[in-house]
Structure formats: structure tokens, C-alpha cells
């Protein structure tokens, strides 16, 4: 299963577009290596990624076959680490924050 689809189906991220964007920016690591959204996730992989002011590290226990309810998400992942990081103290950038506009030339 694709990495971005796994993050969406297990409710770790709300939108697949957000998962895809984080993967393409190199912010999602699988077993310590940055991976693209098309990476094939396997049981036993360890995923780490930032979301808002948190840094999550989870282990993949199983792959969902179809859409799952939010209550069943914990049968597919195990949280290994959940760090809270204030934005102003060197935390990750907010992936949902608007991107700064490039300067215009006159």
C-alpha cells in the first residue's frame, strides 16, 4: 500500500493531499530514510513524521484492506514516540500554514 494512502486510511493524517505533500518534501521517514508518497509500506516499518506541533513515530502492525473506522486505527499502528514541540523552539514548520509568496519583480 502506498505511504500516503496508508497515512490517510489509518487516520494519522486527515487528508491524502497533506500526506502526499509531506512525503514529497522529505518530511516522512520510513525506517529513518525519507520516502516519497509512492513508497510501498510493509508491516514492521517504522514511520516518523511531523504534524502541527508534534513529531510522531509509529510502527506499522498491519495494512488496512478497506476504509477503517477511527476506533480501529490502533490495530494497524503502534505509537512509539509522540513529541510535543513548540513552533518557536525549533519545532517543525506547520505543514498547513500558507506558503510565503515569492518576491515580485517590478
PDB file of N, CA and C in Angstrom:
ATOM      1  N   UNK A   1       0.848  -1.167   0.000  1.00  0.00           N
ATOM      2  CA  UNK A   1       0.000   0.000   0.000  1.00  0.00           C
ATOM      3  C   UNK A   1       0.896   1.233   0.000  1.00  0.00           C
ATOM      4  N   UNK A   2       0.517   2.237  -0.784  1.00  0.00           N
ATOM      5  CA  UNK A   2       1.266   3.489  -0.869  1.00  0.00           C
ATOM      6  C   UNK A   2       1.342   4.173   0.495  1.00  0.00           C
ATOM      7  N   UNK A   3       2.445   4.850   0.740  1.00  0.00           N
ATOM      8  CA  UNK A   3       2.674   5.523   2.012  1.00  0.00           C
ATOM      9  C   UNK A   3       1.617   6.590   2.290  1.00  0.00           C
ATOM     10  N   UNK A   4       1.318   7.437   1.306  1.00  0.00           N
ATOM     11  CA  UNK A   4       0.325   8.491   1.530  1.00  0.00           C
ATOM     12  C   UNK A   4      -1.061   7.919   1.794  1.00  0.00           C
ATOM     13  N   UNK A   5      -1.415   6.844   1.121  1.00  0.00           N
ATOM     14  CA  UNK A   5      -2.712   6.210   1.331  1.00  0.00           C
ATOM     15  C   UNK A   5      -2.782   5.556   2.711  1.00  0.00           C
ATOM     16  N   UNK A   6      -1.689   4.944   3.155  1.00  0.00           N
ATOM     17  CA  UNK A   6      -1.660   4.339   4.487  1.00  0.00           C
ATOM     18  C   UNK A   6      -1.867   5.391   5.570  1.00  0.00           C
ATOM     19  N   UNK A   7      -1.179   6.529   5.454  1.00  0.00           N
ATOM     20  CA  UNK A   7      -1.322   7.591   6.452  1.00  0.00           C
ATOM     21  C   UNK A   7      -2.752   8.108   6.505  1.00  0.00           C
ATOM     22  N   UNK A   8      -3.410   8.188   5.360  1.00  0.00           N
ATOM     23  CA  UNK A   8      -4.795   8.644   5.316  1.00  0.00           C
ATOM     24  C   UNK A   8      -5.750   7.587   5.879  1.00  0.00           C
ATOM     25  N   UNK A   9      -5.629   6.337   5.430  1.00  0.00           N
ATOM     26  CA  UNK A   9      -6.570   5.285   5.837  1.00  0.00           C
ATOM     27  C   UNK A   9      -6.491   4.972   7.325  1.00  0.00           C
ATOM     28  N   UNK A  10      -5.330   5.129   7.921  1.00  0.00           N
ATOM     29  CA  UNK A  10      -5.190   4.848   9.351  1.00  0.00           C
ATOM     30  C   UNK A  10      -5.473   6.082  10.202  1.00  0.00           C
ATOM     31  N   UNK A  11      -5.934   7.158   9.577  1.00  0.00           N
ATOM     32  CA  UNK A  11      -6.329   8.388  10.271  1.00  0.00           C
ATOM     33  C   UNK A  11      -5.168   9.072  10.988  1.00  0.00           C
ATOM     34  N   UNK A  12      -3.941   8.791  10.574  1.00  0.00           N
ATOM     35  CA  UNK A  12      -2.804   9.506  11.150  1.00  0.00           C
ATOM     36  C   UNK A  12      -2.753  10.931  10.603  1.00  0.00           C
ATOM     37  N   UNK A  13      -3.166  11.094   9.355  1.00  0.00           N
ATOM     38  CA  UNK A  13      -3.313  12.408   8.731  1.00  0.00           C
ATOM     39  C   UNK A  13      -4.719  12.486   8.149  1.00  0.00           C
ATOM     40  N   UNK A  14      -5.292  13.679   8.159  1.00  0.00           N
ATOM     41  CA  UNK A  14      -6.687  13.824   7.744  1.00  0.00           C
ATOM     42  C   UNK A  14      -6.888  13.743   6.242  1.00  0.00           C
ATOM     43  N   UNK A  15      -5.923  14.242   5.471  1.00  0.00           N
ATOM     44  CA  UNK A  15      -6.101  14.289   4.027  1.00  0.00           C
ATOM     45  C   UNK A  15      -4.934  13.620   3.319  1.00  0.00           C
ATOM     46  N   UNK A  16      -5.238  12.955   2.222  1.00  0.00           N
ATOM     47  CA  UNK A  16      -4.193  12.306   1.440  1.00  0.00           C
ATOM     48  C   UNK A  16      -3.279  13.347   0.791  1.00  0.00           C
ATOM     49  N   UNK A  17      -3.849  14.498   0.429  1.00  0.00           N
ATOM     50  CA  UNK A  17      -3.029  15.554  -0.173  1.00  0.00           C
ATOM     51  C   UNK A  17      -1.947  16.024   0.804  1.00  0.00           C
ATOM     52  N   UNK A  18      -2.313  16.136   2.078  1.00  0.00           N
ATOM     53  CA  UNK A  18      -1.341  16.537   3.098  1.00  0.00           C
ATOM     54  C   UNK A  18      -0.261  15.468   3.245  1.00  0.00           C
ATOM     55  N   UNK A  19      -0.670  14.208   3.266  1.00  0.00           N
ATOM     56  CA  UNK A  19       0.303  13.109   3.359  1.00  0.00           C
ATOM     57  C   UNK A  19       1.244  13.129   2.161  1.00  0.00           C
ATOM     58  N   UNK A  20       0.687  13.350   0.978  1.00  0.00           N
ATOM     59  CA  UNK A  20       1.496  13.392  -0.242  1.00  0.00           C
ATOM     60  C   UNK A  20       2.495  14.553  -0.176  1.00  0.00           C
ATOM     61  N   UNK A  21       2.026  15.724   0.266  1.00  0.00           N
ATOM     62  CA  UNK A  21       2.898  16.897   0.349  1.00  0.00           C
ATOM     63  C   UNK A  21       4.036  16.677   1.346  1.00  0.00           C
ATOM     64  N   UNK A  22       3.732  16.118   2.508  1.00  0.00           N
ATOM     65  CA  UNK A  22       4.780  15.849   3.499  1.00  0.00           C
ATOM     66  C   UNK A  22       5.811  14.863   2.955  1.00  0.00           C
ATOM     67  N   UNK A  23       5.339  13.843   2.244  1.00  0.00           N
ATOM     68  CA  UNK A  23       6.255  12.850   1.663  1.00  0.00           C
ATOM     69  C   UNK A  23       7.153  13.486   0.618  1.00  0.00           C
ATOM     70  N   UNK A  24       6.577  14.289  -0.258  1.00  0.00           N
ATOM     71  CA  UNK A  24       7.357  14.903  -1.329  1.00  0.00           C
ATOM     72  C   UNK A  24       8.366  15.908  -0.804  1.00  0.00           C
ATOM     73  N   UNK A  25       8.102  16.505   0.358  1.00  0.00           N
ATOM     74  CA  UNK A  25       9.052  17.441   0.958  1.00  0.00           C
ATOM     75  C   UNK A  25      10.104  16.727   1.799  1.00  0.00           C
ATOM     76  N   UNK A  26      10.042  15.399   1.873  1.00  0.00           N
ATOM     77  CA  UNK A  26      11.043  14.635   2.610  1.00  0.00           C
ATOM     78  C   UNK A  26      10.847  14.631   4.111  1.00  0.00           C
ATOM     79  N   UNK A  27       9.635  14.944   4.565  1.00  0.00           N
ATOM     80  CA  UNK A  27       9.377  15.039   5.995  1.00  0.00           C
ATOM     81  C   UNK A  27       8.870  13.730   6.593  1.00  0.00           C
ATOM     82  N   UNK A  28       8.518  12.762   5.758  1.00  0.00           N
ATOM     83  CA  UNK A  28       8.074  11.456   6.248  1.00  0.00           C
ATOM     84  C   UNK A  28       9.233  10.486   6.062  1.00  0.00           C
ATOM     85  N   UNK A  29       9.633   9.876   7.164  1.00  0.00           N
ATOM     86  CA  UNK A  29      10.750   8.925   7.116  1.00  0.00           C
ATOM     87  C   UNK A  29      10.243   7.518   7.419  1.00  0.00           C
ATOM     88  N   UNK A  30      10.725   6.577   6.649  1.00  0.00           N
ATOM     89  CA  UNK A  30      10.416   5.166   6.864  1.00  0.00           C
ATOM     90  C   UNK A  30      11.721   4.491   7.234  1.00  0.00           C
ATOM     91  N   UNK A  31      11.773   3.933   8.436  1.00  0.00           N
ATOM     92  CA  UNK A  31      12.988   3.301   8.956  1.00  0.00           C
ATOM     93  C   UNK A  31      14.182   4.250   8.876  1.00  0.00           C
ATOM     94  N   UNK A  32      13.929   5.546   9.129  1.00  0.00           N
ATOM     95  CA  UNK A  32      14.988   6.540   9.170  1.00  0.00           C
ATOM     96  C   UNK A  32      15.349   7.170   7.842  1.00  0.00           C
ATOM     97  N   UNK A  33      14.737   6.747   6.746  1.00  0.00           N
ATOM     98  CA  UNK A  33      15.053   7.261   5.424  1.00  0.00           C
ATOM     99  C   UNK A  33      13.863   8.026   4.858  1.00  0.00           C
ATOM    100  N   UNK A  34      14.056   9.250   4.345  1.00  0.00           N
ATOM    101  CA  UNK A  34      12.938   9.969   3.729  1.00  0.00           C
ATOM    102  C   UNK A  34      12.411   9.184   2.524  1.00  0.00           C
ATOM    103  N   UNK A  35      11.102   9.066   2.435  1.00  0.00           N
ATOM    104  CA  UNK A  35      10.486   8.300   1.346  1.00  0.00           C
ATOM    105  C   UNK A  35       9.429   9.132   0.640  1.00  0.00           C
ATOM    106  N   UNK A  36       9.227   8.851  -0.631  1.00  0.00           N
ATOM    107  CA  UNK A  36       8.199   9.503  -1.439  1.00  0.00           C
ATOM    108  C   UNK A  36       6.847   8.876  -1.132  1.00  0.00           C
ATOM    109  N   UNK A  37       5.785   9.523  -1.599  1.00  0.00           N
ATOM    110  CA  UNK A  37       4.422   9.074  -1.342  1.00  0.00           C
ATOM    111  C   UNK A  37       4.139   7.710  -1.959  1.00  0.00           C
ATOM    112  N   UNK A  38       4.858   7.345  -2.997  1.00  0.00           N
ATOM    113  CA  UNK A  38       4.605   6.080  -3.682  1.00  0.00           C
ATOM    114  C   UNK A  38       5.300   4.884  -3.029  1.00  0.00           C
ATOM    115  N   UNK A  39       6.048   5.105  -1.949  1.00  0.00           N
ATOM    116  CA  UNK A  39       6.751   4.012  -1.265  1.00  0.00           C
ATOM    117  C   UNK A  39       5.748   2.955  -0.801  1.00  0.00           C
ATOM    118  N   UNK A  40       6.089   1.699  -0.956  1.00  0.00           N
ATOM    119  CA  UNK A  40       5.220   0.582  -0.579  1.00  0.00           C
ATOM    120  C   UNK A  40       5.441   0.226   0.899  1.00  0.00           C
ATOM    121  N   UNK A  41       4.464   0.562   1.744  1.00  0.00           N
ATOM    122  CA  UNK A  41       4.560   0.321   3.187  1.00  0.00           C
ATOM    123  C   UNK A  41       4.375  -1.162   3.478  1.00  0.00           C
ATOM    124  N   UNK A  42       5.161  -1.687   4.422  1.00  0.00           N
ATOM    125  CA  UNK A  42       5.060  -3.091   4.839  1.00  0.00           C
ATOM    126  C   UNK A  42       4.906  -3.165   6.353  1.00  0.00           C
ATOM    127  N   UNK A  43       4.330  -4.240   6.834  1.00  0.00           N
ATOM    128  CA  UNK A  43       4.215  -4.445   8.283  1.00  0.00           C
ATOM    129  C   UNK A  43       5.622  -4.481   8.875  1.00  0.00           C
ATOM    130  N   UNK A  44       5.800  -3.810  10.002  1.00  0.00           N
ATOM    131  CA  UNK A  44       7.104  -3.748  10.659  1.00  0.00           C
ATOM    132  C   UNK A  44       7.852  -2.461  10.382  1.00  0.00           C
ATOM    133  N   UNK A  45       7.453  -1.698   9.359  1.00  0.00           N
ATOM    134  CA  UNK A  45       8.095  -0.421   9.070  1.00  0.00           C
ATOM    135  C   UNK A  45       7.849   0.566  10.206  1.00  0.00           C
ATOM    136  N   UNK A  46       8.831   1.428  10.459  1.00  0.00           N
ATOM    137  CA  UNK A  46       8.675   2.499  11.442  1.00  0.00           C
ATOM    138  C   UNK A  46       8.596   3.820  10.690  1.00  0.00           C
ATOM    139  N   UNK A  47       7.501   4.547  10.894  1.00  0.00           N
ATOM    140  CA  UNK A  47       7.265   5.815  10.225  1.00  0.00           C
ATOM    141  C   UNK A  47       7.452   6.954  11.217  1.00  0.00           C
ATOM    142  N   UNK A  48       8.091   8.018  10.809  1.00  0.00           N
ATOM    143  CA  UNK A  48       8.186   9.213  11.643  1.00  0.00           C
ATOM    144  C   UNK A  48       7.887  10.415  10.763  1.00  0.00           C
ATOM    145  N   UNK A  49       7.069  11.330  11.292  1.00  0.00           N
ATOM    146  CA  UNK A  49       6.655  12.494  10.526  1.00  0.00           C
ATOM    147  C   UNK A  49       6.144  13.568  11.470  1.00  0.00           C
ATOM    148  N   UNK A  50       6.209  14.841  11.037  1.00  0.00           N
ATOM    149  CA  UNK A  50       5.678  15.939  11.839  1.00  0.00           C
ATOM    150  C   UNK A  50       4.237  16.230  11.445  1.00  0.00           C
ATOM    151  N   UNK A  51       3.453  16.649  12.408  1.00  0.00           N
ATOM    152  CA  UNK A  51       2.120  17.168  12.136  1.00  0.00           C
ATOM    153  C   UNK A  51       1.828  18.228  13.181  1.00  0.00           C
ATOM    154  N   UNK A  52       1.551  19.428  12.705  1.00  0.00           N
ATOM    155  CA  UNK A  52       1.364  20.591  13.571  1.00  0.00           C
ATOM    156  C   UNK A  52       2.563  20.734  14.504  1.00  0.00           C
ATOM    157  N   UNK A  53       2.361  20.719  15.807  1.00  0.00           N
ATOM    158  CA  UNK A  53       3.485  20.879  16.731  1.00  0.00           C
ATOM    159  C   UNK A  53       3.853  19.549  17.387  1.00  0.00           C
ATOM    160  N   UNK A  54       3.678  18.457  16.658  1.00  0.00           N
ATOM    161  CA  UNK A  54       4.006  17.123  17.166  1.00  0.00           C
ATOM    162  C   UNK A  54       4.924  16.415  16.183  1.00  0.00           C
ATOM    163  N   UNK A  55       5.731  15.534  16.715  1.00  0.00           N
ATOM    164  CA  UNK A  55       6.542  14.638  15.895  1.00  0.00           C
ATOM    165  C   UNK A  55       6.145  13.223  16.300  1.00  0.00           C
ATOM    166  N   UNK A  56       5.555  12.483  15.382  1.00  0.00           N
ATOM    167  CA  UNK A  56       5.085  11.132  15.671  1.00  0.00           C
ATOM    168  C   UNK A  56       6.035  10.097  15.101  1.00  0.00           C
ATOM    169  N   UNK A  57       6.178   9.013  15.829  1.00  0.00           N
ATOM    170  CA  UNK A  57       6.919   7.857  15.354  1.00  0.00           C
ATOM    171  C   UNK A  57       6.034   6.646  15.643  1.00  0.00           C
ATOM    172  N   UNK A  58       5.663   5.909  14.595  1.00  0.00           N
ATOM    173  CA  UNK A  58       4.754   4.768  14.753  1.00  0.00           C
ATOM    174  C   UNK A  58       5.332   3.546  14.049  1.00  0.00           C
ATOM    175  N   UNK A  59       4.905   2.381  14.499  1.00  0.00           N
ATOM    176  CA  UNK A  59       5.279   1.119  13.847  1.00  0.00           C
ATOM    177  C   UNK A  59       4.034   0.567  13.158  1.00  0.00           C
ATOM    178  N   UNK A  60       4.196   0.134  11.923  1.00  0.00           N
ATOM    179  CA  UNK A  60       3.099  -0.451  11.161  1.00  0.00           C
ATOM    180  C   UNK A  60       2.918  -1.894  11.628  1.00  0.00           C
ATOM    181  N   UNK A  61       1.716  -2.212  12.123  1.00  0.00           N
ATOM    182  CA  UNK A  61       1.427  -3.569  12.579  1.00  0.00           C
ATOM    183  C   UNK A  61       0.783  -4.402  11.484  1.00  0.00           C
ATOM    184  N   UNK A  62      -0.087  -3.764  10.702  1.00  0.00           N
ATOM    185  CA  UNK A  62      -0.814  -4.457   9.640  1.00  0.00           C
ATOM    186  C   UNK A  62      -1.281  -3.411   8.639  1.00  0.00           C
ATOM    187  N   UNK A  63      -1.674  -3.851   7.449  1.00  0.00           N
ATOM    188  CA  UNK A  63      -2.157  -2.940   6.422  1.00  0.00           C
ATOM    189  C   UNK A  63      -3.675  -3.056   6.313  1.00  0.00           C
ATOM    190  N   UNK A  64      -4.384  -1.916   6.305  1.00  0.00           N
ATOM    191  CA  UNK A  64      -5.845  -1.975   6.173  1.00  0.00           C
ATOM    192  C   UNK A  64      -6.230  -2.357   4.751  1.00  0.00           C
ATOM    193  N   UNK A  65      -7.271  -3.173   4.631  1.00  0.00           N
ATOM    194  CA  UNK A  65      -7.739  -3.574   3.311  1.00  0.00           C
ATOM    195  C   UNK A  65      -8.696  -2.560   2.719  1.00  0.00           C
ATOM    196  N   UNK A  66      -9.547  -1.992   3.545  1.00  0.00           N
ATOM    197  CA  UNK A  66     -10.539  -1.017   3.095  1.00  0.00           C
ATOM    198  C   UNK A  66     -10.525   0.143   4.085  1.00  0.00           C
ATOM    199  N   UNK A  67     -11.500   1.028   3.940  1.00  0.00           N
ATOM    200  CA  UNK A  67     -11.605   2.124   4.900  1.00  0.00           C
ATOM    201  C   UNK A  67     -11.910   1.559   6.275  1.00  0.00           C
ATOM    202  N   UNK A  68     -11.308   2.139   7.293  1.00  0.00           N
ATOM    203  CA  UNK A  68     -11.494   1.654   8.660  1.00  0.00           C
ATOM    204  C   UNK A  68     -12.059   2.778   9.513  1.00  0.00           C
ATOM    205  N   UNK A  69     -12.705   2.406  10.594  1.00  0.00           N
ATOM    206  CA  UNK A  69     -13.226   3.420  11.498  1.00  0.00           C
ATOM    207  C   UNK A  69     -12.083   3.952  12.360  1.00  0.00           C
ATOM    208  N   UNK A  70     -12.308   5.148  12.893  1.00  0.00           N
ATOM    209  CA  UNK A  70     -11.276   5.781  13.717  1.00  0.00           C
ATOM    210  C   UNK A  70     -10.949   4.925  14.943  1.00  0.00           C
ATOM    211  N   UNK A  71     -11.917   4.212  15.485  1.00  0.00           N
ATOM    212  CA  UNK A  71     -11.676   3.372  16.652  1.00  0.00           C
ATOM    213  C   UNK A  71     -10.802   2.162  16.358  1.00  0.00           C
ATOM    214  N   UNK A  72     -10.758   1.741  15.087  1.00  0.00           N
ATOM    215  CA  UNK A  72      -9.961   0.567  14.710  1.00  0.00           C
ATOM    216  C   UNK A  72      -8.546   0.911  14.263  1.00  0.00           C
ATOM    217  N   UNK A  73      -8.217   2.207  14.211  1.00  0.00           N
ATOM    218  CA  UNK A  73      -6.912   2.587  13.688  1.00  0.00           C
ATOM    219  C   UNK A  73      -5.760   2.022  14.506  1.00  0.00           C
ATOM    220  N   UNK A  74      -5.951   1.806  15.793  1.00  0.00           N
ATOM    221  CA  UNK A  74      -4.848   1.355  16.647  1.00  0.00           C
ATOM    222  C   UNK A  74      -4.538  -0.117  16.469  1.00  0.00           C
ATOM    223  N   UNK A  75      -5.343  -0.847  15.704  1.00  0.00           N
ATOM    224  CA  UNK A  75      -4.992  -2.227  15.400  1.00  0.00           C
ATOM    225  C   UNK A  75      -4.013  -2.297  14.222  1.00  0.00           C
ATOM    226  N   UNK A  76      -3.753  -1.148  13.576  1.00  0.00           N
ATOM    227  CA  UNK A  76      -2.839  -1.119  12.434  1.00  0.00           C
ATOM    228  C   UNK A  76      -1.520  -0.412  12.726  1.00  0.00           C
ATOM    229  N   UNK A  77      -1.486   0.427  13.771  1.00  0.00           N
ATOM    230  CA  UNK A  77      -0.256   1.139  14.127  1.00  0.00           C
ATOM    231  C   UNK A  77      -0.047   1.109  15.636  1.00  0.00           C
ATOM    232  N   UNK A  78       1.204   1.213  16.014  1.00  0.00           N
ATOM    233  CA  UNK A  78       1.591   1.310  17.425  1.00  0.00           C
ATOM    234  C   UNK A  78       2.425   2.581  17.568  1.00  0.00           C
ATOM    235  N   UNK A  79       2.037   3.465  18.468  1.00  0.00           N
ATOM    236  CA  UNK A  79       2.793   4.703  18.671  1.00  0.00           C
ATOM    237  C   UNK A  79       4.041   4.388  19.480  1.00  0.00           C
ATOM    238  N   UNK A  80       5.193   4.732  18.919  1.00  0.00           N
ATOM    239  CA  UNK A  80       6.467   4.529  19.594  1.00  0.00           C
ATOM    240  C   UNK A  80       6.914   5.801  20.301  1.00  0.00           C
ATOM    241  N   UNK A  81       6.579   6.953  19.701  1.00  0.00           N
ATOM    242  CA  UNK A  81       7.022   8.229  20.258  1.00  0.00           C
ATOM    243  C   UNK A  81       6.052   9.318  19.812  1.00  0.00           C
ATOM    244  N   UNK A  82       5.719  10.215  20.729  1.00  0.00           N
ATOM    245  CA  UNK A  82       4.833  11.339  20.429  1.00  0.00           C
ATOM    246  C   UNK A  82       5.398  12.566  21.135  1.00  0.00           C
ATOM    247  N   UNK A  83       6.195  13.348  20.415  1.00  0.00           N
ATOM    248  CA  UNK A  83       6.841  14.524  20.998  1.00  0.00           C
ATOM    249  C   UNK A  83       6.012  15.764  20.685  1.00  0.00           C
ATOM    250  N   UNK A  84       5.823  16.578  21.691  1.00  0.00           N
ATOM    251  CA  UNK A  84       5.196  17.894  21.502  1.00  0.00           C
ATOM    252  C   UNK A  84       6.326  18.895  21.338  1.00  0.00           C
ATOM    253  N   UNK A  85       6.254  19.713  20.301  1.00  0.00           N
ATOM    254  CA  UNK A  85       7.318  20.662  20.017  1.00  0.00           C
ATOM    255  C   UNK A  85       6.719  22.028  19.754  1.00  0.00           C
ATOM    256  N   UNK A  86       7.029  23.021  20.592  1.00  0.00           N
ATOM    257  CA  UNK A  86       6.556  24.380  20.319  1.00  0.00           C
ATOM    258  C   UNK A  86       7.169  24.893  19.021  1.00  0.00           C
ATOM    259  N   UNK A  87       6.392  25.603  18.224  1.00  0.00           N
ATOM    260  CA  UNK A  87       6.888  26.116  16.949  1.00  0.00           C
ATOM    261  C   UNK A  87       8.062  27.059  17.132  1.00  0.00           C
ATOM    262  N   UNK A  88       8.035  27.864  18.185  1.00  0.00           N
ATOM    263  CA  UNK A  88       9.075  28.867  18.355  1.00  0.00           C
ATOM    264  C   UNK A  88      10.365  28.324  18.955  1.00  0.00           C
ATOM    265  N   UNK A  89      10.423  27.048  19.288  1.00  0.00           N
ATOM    266  CA  UNK A  89      11.642  26.480  19.870  1.00  0.00           C
ATOM    267  C   UNK A  89      12.264  25.423  18.966  1.00  0.00           C
ATOM    268  N   UNK A  90      12.294  25.694  17.676  1.00  0.00           N
ATOM    269  CA  UNK A  90      12.967  24.793  16.754  1.00  0.00           C
ATOM    270  C   UNK A  90      12.126  23.609  16.348  1.00  0.00           C
ATOM    271  N   UNK A  91      10.819  23.687  16.530  1.00  0.00           N
ATOM    272  CA  UNK A  91       9.945  22.594  16.108  1.00  0.00           C
ATOM    273  C   UNK A  91       9.787  22.589  14.595  1.00  0.00           C
ATOM    274  N   UNK A  92       9.003  21.673  14.102  1.00  0.00           N
ATOM    275  CA  UNK A  92       8.752  21.585  12.675  1.00  0.00           C
ATOM    276  C   UNK A  92       7.854  22.730  12.236  1.00  0.00           C
ATOM    277  N   UNK A  93       7.948  23.063  10.964  1.00  0.00           N
ATOM    278  CA  UNK A  93       7.035  24.048  10.405  1.00  0.00           C
ATOM    279  C   UNK A  93       5.645  23.439  10.336  1.00  0.00           C
ATOM    280  N   UNK A  94       4.646  24.275  10.424  1.00  0.00           N
ATOM    281  CA  UNK A  94       3.268  23.825  10.283  1.00  0.00           C
ATOM    282  C   UNK A  94       3.021  23.525   8.814  1.00  0.00           C
ATOM    283  N   UNK A  95       2.732  22.267   8.437  1.00  0.00           N
ATOM    284  CA  UNK A  95       2.532  21.939   7.022  1.00  0.00           C
ATOM    285  C   UNK A  95       1.273  22.565   6.439  1.00  0.00           C
ATOM    286  N   UNK A  96       0.367  23.048   7.281  1.00  0.00           N
ATOM    287  CA  UNK A  96      -0.855  23.649   6.780  1.00  0.00           C
ATOM    288  C   UNK A  96      -0.764  25.169   6.689  1.00  0.00           C
ATOM    289  N   UNK A  97       0.330  25.744   7.167  1.00  0.00           N
ATOM    290  CA  UNK A  97       0.490  27.194   7.124  1.00  0.00           C
ATOM    291  C   UNK A  97       0.629  27.645   5.674  1.00  0.00           C
ATOM    292  N   UNK A  98       0.092  28.822   5.346  1.00  0.00           N
ATOM    293  CA  UNK A  98       0.227  29.300   3.965  1.00  0.00           C
ATOM    294  C   UNK A  98       1.690  29.524   3.611  1.00  0.00           C
ATOM    295  N   UNK A  99       2.026  29.174   2.399  1.00  0.00           N
ATOM    296  CA  UNK A  99       3.402  29.336   1.925  1.00  0.00           C
ATOM    297  C   UNK A  99       3.670  30.821   1.666  1.00  0.00           C
ATOM    298  N   UNK A 100       4.861  31.306   2.001  1.00  0.00           N
ATOM    299  CA  UNK A 100       5.174  32.701   1.710  1.00  0.00           C
ATOM    300  C   UNK A 100       5.234  32.934   0.197  1.00  0.00           C
ATOM    301  N   UNK A 101       4.767  34.091  -0.218  1.00  0.00           N
ATOM    302  CA  UNK A 101       4.767  34.411  -1.646  1.00  0.00           C
ATOM    303  C   UNK A 101       6.161  34.845  -2.050  1.00  0.00           C
ATOM    304  N   UNK A 102       6.606  34.419  -3.230  1.00  0.00           N
ATOM    305  CA  UNK A 102       7.924  34.863  -3.698  1.00  0.00           C
ATOM    306  C   UNK A 102       7.879  36.362  -4.021  1.00  0.00           C
ATOM    307  N   UNK A 103       9.009  37.036  -3.881  1.00  0.00           N
ATOM    308  CA  UNK A 103       9.016  38.474  -4.183  1.00  0.00           C
ATOM    309  C   UNK A 103       8.740  38.710  -5.664  1.00  0.00           C
ATOM    310  N   UNK A 104       8.018  39.776  -5.936  1.00  0.00           N
ATOM    311  CA  UNK A 104       7.709  40.117  -7.325  1.00  0.00           C
ATOM    312  C   UNK A 104       8.721  41.127  -7.831  1.00  0.00           C
ATOM    313  N   UNK A 105       9.011  41.017  -9.101  1.00  0.00           N
ATOM    314  CA  UNK A 105       9.957  41.949  -9.708  1.00  0.00           C
ATOM    315  C   UNK A 105       9.164  43.050 -10.396  1.00  0.00           C
ATOM    316  N   UNK A 106       9.601  44.278 -10.216  1.00  0.00           N
ATOM    317  CA  UNK A 106       8.888  45.403 -10.834  1.00  0.00           C
ATOM    318  C   UNK A 106       9.630  45.914 -12.015  1.00  0.00           C
TER     319      UNK A 106
END
